[in-house]
Amino acid sequence: MLYYALKVAISALVIVAITEIAKRSSGFAALLAALPLTSLLAFMWLHVEGAKPELIAGLSSQIFWLVLPSLVLFLLLPLLLRQGFGFWLSLGLSISATAVCYFAMLPLLRKFGVQL
């Protein structure tokens, strides 16, 4: 149980650090947020827990393909905000569009032999 609490605490600390840095320097916070920190933490936790390298490699490959549709959120959110849409509406529409892109991407990946 202590191990899981440590995992949660470290993971939460990364998120809190990025939001606090954003208050001072949005560029540096964006750089940190753009790093695949969630993926890196997952890889490290899996390794520490004794996962086989094949599992970590497979996860890394799958993340690569699923990053592509997630880019829609980062394109659409600022566009909607700049057009005067409210934050929550912009975020909701961006998340919805991203979800549509994920669902559209899955059959395409299967067609090319990428298993998720």
C-alpha atoms as a PDB file:
ATOM      1  CA  MET A   1       0.000   0.000   0.000  1.00  0.00           C
ATOM      2  CA  LEU A   2       2.877   2.371   0.796  1.00  0.00           C
ATOM      3  CA  TYR A   3       4.340   1.692  -2.640  1.00  0.00           C
ATOM      4  CA  TYR A   4       1.109   2.788  -4.358  1.00  0.00           C
ATOM      5  CA  ALA A   5       0.936   5.903  -2.201  1.00  0.00           C
ATOM      6  CA  LEU A   6       4.503   6.733  -3.258  1.00  0.00           C
ATOM      7  CA  LYS A   7       3.590   6.247  -6.935  1.00  0.00           C
ATOM      8  CA  VAL A   8       0.574   8.515  -6.595  1.00  0.00           C
ATOM      9  CA  ALA A   9       2.534  11.153  -4.680  1.00  0.00           C
ATOM     10  CA  ILE A  10       5.373  11.325  -7.210  1.00  0.00           C
ATOM     11  CA  SER A  11       2.977  11.386 -10.164  1.00  0.00           C
ATOM     12  CA  ALA A  12       0.846  14.113  -8.550  1.00  0.00           C
ATOM     13  CA  LEU A  13       3.953  16.116  -7.685  1.00  0.00           C
ATOM     14  CA  VAL A  14       4.908  16.267 -11.374  1.00  0.00           C
ATOM     15  CA  ILE A  15       1.479  17.623 -12.319  1.00  0.00           C
ATOM     16  CA  VAL A  16       1.446  20.180  -9.497  1.00  0.00           C
ATOM     17  CA  ALA A  17       4.978  21.300 -10.379  1.00  0.00           C
ATOM     18  CA  ILE A  18       4.004  21.938 -14.002  1.00  0.00           C
ATOM     19  CA  THR A  19       0.925  23.967 -13.036  1.00  0.00           C
ATOM     20  CA  GLU A  20       2.949  26.054 -10.579  1.00  0.00           C
ATOM     21  CA  ILE A  21       5.703  26.647 -13.143  1.00  0.00           C
ATOM     22  CA  ALA A  22       3.038  27.716 -15.668  1.00  0.00           C
ATOM     23  CA  LYS A  23       2.112  30.609 -13.380  1.00  0.00           C
ATOM     24  CA  ARG A  24       5.632  31.982 -13.803  1.00  0.00           C
ATOM     25  CA  SER A  25       6.691  30.786 -17.237  1.00  0.00           C
ATOM     26  CA  SER A  26       4.172  29.287 -19.616  1.00  0.00           C
ATOM     27  CA  GLY A  27       6.905  28.447 -22.127  1.00  0.00           C
ATOM     28  CA  PHE A  28       8.944  26.387 -19.675  1.00  0.00           C
ATOM     29  CA  ALA A  29       5.794  24.722 -18.320  1.00  0.00           C
ATOM     30  CA  ALA A  30       4.741  23.898 -21.889  1.00  0.00           C
ATOM     31  CA  LEU A  31       8.130  22.339 -22.506  1.00  0.00           C
ATOM     32  CA  LEU A  32       7.792  20.184 -19.399  1.00  0.00           C
ATOM     33  CA  ALA A  33       4.190  19.277 -20.192  1.00  0.00           C
ATOM     34  CA  ALA A  34       5.128  18.403 -23.764  1.00  0.00           C
ATOM     35  CA  LEU A  35       7.583  15.838 -22.485  1.00  0.00           C
ATOM     36  CA  PRO A  36       5.916  12.463 -22.299  1.00  0.00           C
ATOM     37  CA  LEU A  37       6.085  12.565 -18.499  1.00  0.00           C
ATOM     38  CA  THR A  38       3.094  10.301 -17.978  1.00  0.00           C
ATOM     39  CA  SER A  39       4.592   7.751 -20.335  1.00  0.00           C
ATOM     40  CA  LEU A  40       8.013   8.038 -18.736  1.00  0.00           C
ATOM     41  CA  LEU A  41       6.544   7.535 -15.282  1.00  0.00           C
ATOM     42  CA  ALA A  42       4.597   4.500 -16.516  1.00  0.00           C
ATOM     43  CA  PHE A  43       7.750   3.021 -18.087  1.00  0.00           C
ATOM     44  CA  MET A  44       9.714   3.579 -14.885  1.00  0.00           C
ATOM     45  CA  TRP A  45       6.997   2.112 -12.637  1.00  0.00           C
ATOM     46  CA  LEU A  46       6.701  -0.925 -14.913  1.00  0.00           C
ATOM     47  CA  HIS A  47      10.474  -1.431 -14.880  1.00  0.00           C
ATOM     48  CA  VAL A  48      10.664  -1.063 -11.086  1.00  0.00           C
ATOM     49  CA  GLU A  49       7.843  -3.599 -10.780  1.00  0.00           C
ATOM     50  CA  GLY A  50       9.814  -6.082 -12.900  1.00  0.00           C
ATOM     51  CA  ALA A  51       7.898  -5.878 -16.177  1.00  0.00           C
ATOM     52  CA  LYS A  52       9.528  -7.544 -19.142  1.00  0.00           C
ATOM     53  CA  PRO A  53      11.179  -5.224 -21.671  1.00  0.00           C
ATOM     54  CA  GLU A  54       8.765  -6.477 -24.349  1.00  0.00           C
ATOM     55  CA  LEU A  55       5.820  -5.120 -22.341  1.00  0.00           C
ATOM     56  CA  ILE A  56       7.442  -1.696 -21.979  1.00  0.00           C
ATOM     57  CA  ALA A  57       8.394  -1.663 -25.679  1.00  0.00           C
ATOM     58  CA  GLY A  58       4.836  -2.586 -26.669  1.00  0.00           C
ATOM     59  CA  LEU A  59       3.380   0.149 -24.491  1.00  0.00           C
ATOM     60  CA  SER A  60       5.779   2.668 -26.004  1.00  0.00           C
ATOM     61  CA  SER A  61       4.782   1.691 -29.550  1.00  0.00           C
ATOM     62  CA  GLN A  62       1.083   1.902 -28.747  1.00  0.00           C
ATOM     63  CA  ILE A  63       1.496   5.309 -27.129  1.00  0.00           C
ATOM     64  CA  PHE A  64       3.222   6.570 -30.280  1.00  0.00           C
ATOM     65  CA  TRP A  65       0.212   5.783 -32.441  1.00  0.00           C
ATOM     66  CA  LEU A  66      -2.280   7.201 -29.952  1.00  0.00           C
ATOM     67  CA  VAL A  67      -0.415  10.485 -29.566  1.00  0.00           C
ATOM     68  CA  LEU A  68      -1.342  11.403 -33.120  1.00  0.00           C
ATOM     69  CA  PRO A  69      -5.112  11.821 -32.576  1.00  0.00           C
ATOM     70  CA  SER A  70      -4.470  13.563 -29.241  1.00  0.00           C
ATOM     71  CA  LEU A  71      -2.846  16.439 -31.123  1.00  0.00           C
ATOM     72  CA  VAL A  72      -6.344  17.534 -32.183  1.00  0.00           C
ATOM     73  CA  LEU A  73      -6.973  18.731 -28.632  1.00  0.00           C
ATOM     74  CA  PHE A  74      -3.918  20.991 -28.697  1.00  0.00           C
ATOM     75  CA  LEU A  75      -4.917  22.468 -32.045  1.00  0.00           C
ATOM     76  CA  LEU A  76      -8.619  22.922 -31.365  1.00  0.00           C
ATOM     77  CA  LEU A  77      -8.554  24.199 -27.757  1.00  0.00           C
ATOM     78  CA  PRO A  78      -6.582  27.412 -28.425  1.00  0.00           C
ATOM     79  CA  LEU A  79      -8.553  28.026 -31.621  1.00  0.00           C
ATOM     80  CA  LEU A  80     -11.877  27.860 -29.781  1.00  0.00           C
ATOM     81  CA  LEU A  81     -10.630  29.958 -26.873  1.00  0.00           C
ATOM     82  CA  ARG A  82      -9.367  32.638 -29.259  1.00  0.00           C
ATOM     83  CA  GLN A  83     -12.746  32.630 -30.996  1.00  0.00           C
ATOM     84  CA  GLY A  84     -14.355  33.627 -27.699  1.00  0.00           C
ATOM     85  CA  PHE A  85     -15.816  30.293 -26.629  1.00  0.00           C
ATOM     86  CA  GLY A  86     -15.802  29.788 -22.864  1.00  0.00           C
ATOM     87  CA  PHE A  87     -13.146  27.598 -21.292  1.00  0.00           C
ATOM     88  CA  TRP A  88     -15.392  24.659 -20.360  1.00  0.00           C
ATOM     89  CA  LEU A  89     -17.176  24.628 -23.710  1.00  0.00           C
ATOM     90  CA  SER A  90     -13.852  24.826 -25.566  1.00  0.00           C
ATOM     91  CA  LEU A  91     -12.405  22.050 -23.445  1.00  0.00           C
ATOM     92  CA  GLY A  92     -15.486  19.861 -23.882  1.00  0.00           C
ATOM     93  CA  LEU A  93     -15.546  20.341 -27.650  1.00  0.00           C
ATOM     94  CA  SER A  94     -11.807  19.698 -27.880  1.00  0.00           C
ATOM     95  CA  ILE A  95     -12.077  16.515 -25.828  1.00  0.00           C
ATOM     96  CA  SER A  96     -15.042  15.348 -27.906  1.00  0.00           C
ATOM     97  CA  ALA A  97     -13.210  15.980 -31.176  1.00  0.00           C
ATOM     98  CA  THR A  98     -10.177  14.144 -29.819  1.00  0.00           C
ATOM     99  CA  ALA A  99     -12.342  11.162 -28.819  1.00  0.00           C
ATOM    100  CA  VAL A 100     -13.807  11.060 -32.341  1.00  0.00           C
ATOM    101  CA  CYS A 101     -10.278  11.052 -33.752  1.00  0.00           C
ATOM    102  CA  TYR A 102      -9.279   8.204 -31.429  1.00  0.00           C
ATOM    103  CA  PHE A 103     -12.240   6.106 -32.562  1.00  0.00           C
ATOM    104  CA  ALA A 104     -11.466   6.908 -36.202  1.00  0.00           C
ATOM    105  CA  MET A 105      -7.806   5.999 -35.727  1.00  0.00           C
ATOM    106  CA  LEU A 106      -8.394   2.542 -34.218  1.00  0.00           C
ATOM    107  CA  PRO A 107      -9.799   0.840 -37.346  1.00  0.00           C
ATOM    108  CA  LEU A 108      -7.152   2.545 -39.458  1.00  0.00           C
ATOM    109  CA  LEU A 109      -4.389   1.174 -37.247  1.00  0.00           C
ATOM    110  CA  ARG A 110      -5.910  -2.328 -37.348  1.00  0.00           C
ATOM    111  CA  LYS A 111      -6.020  -2.110 -41.147  1.00  0.00           C
ATOM    112  CA  PHE A 112      -2.245  -1.524 -41.171  1.00  0.00           C
ATOM    113  CA  GLY A 113      -1.570  -4.298 -38.657  1.00  0.00           C
ATOM    114  CA  VAL A 114      -0.983  -2.174 -35.557  1.00  0.00           C
ATOM    115  CA  GLN A 115      -2.460  -3.952 -32.541  1.00  0.00           C
ATOM    116  CA  LEU A 116      -3.626  -1.961 -29.530  1.00  0.00           C
END
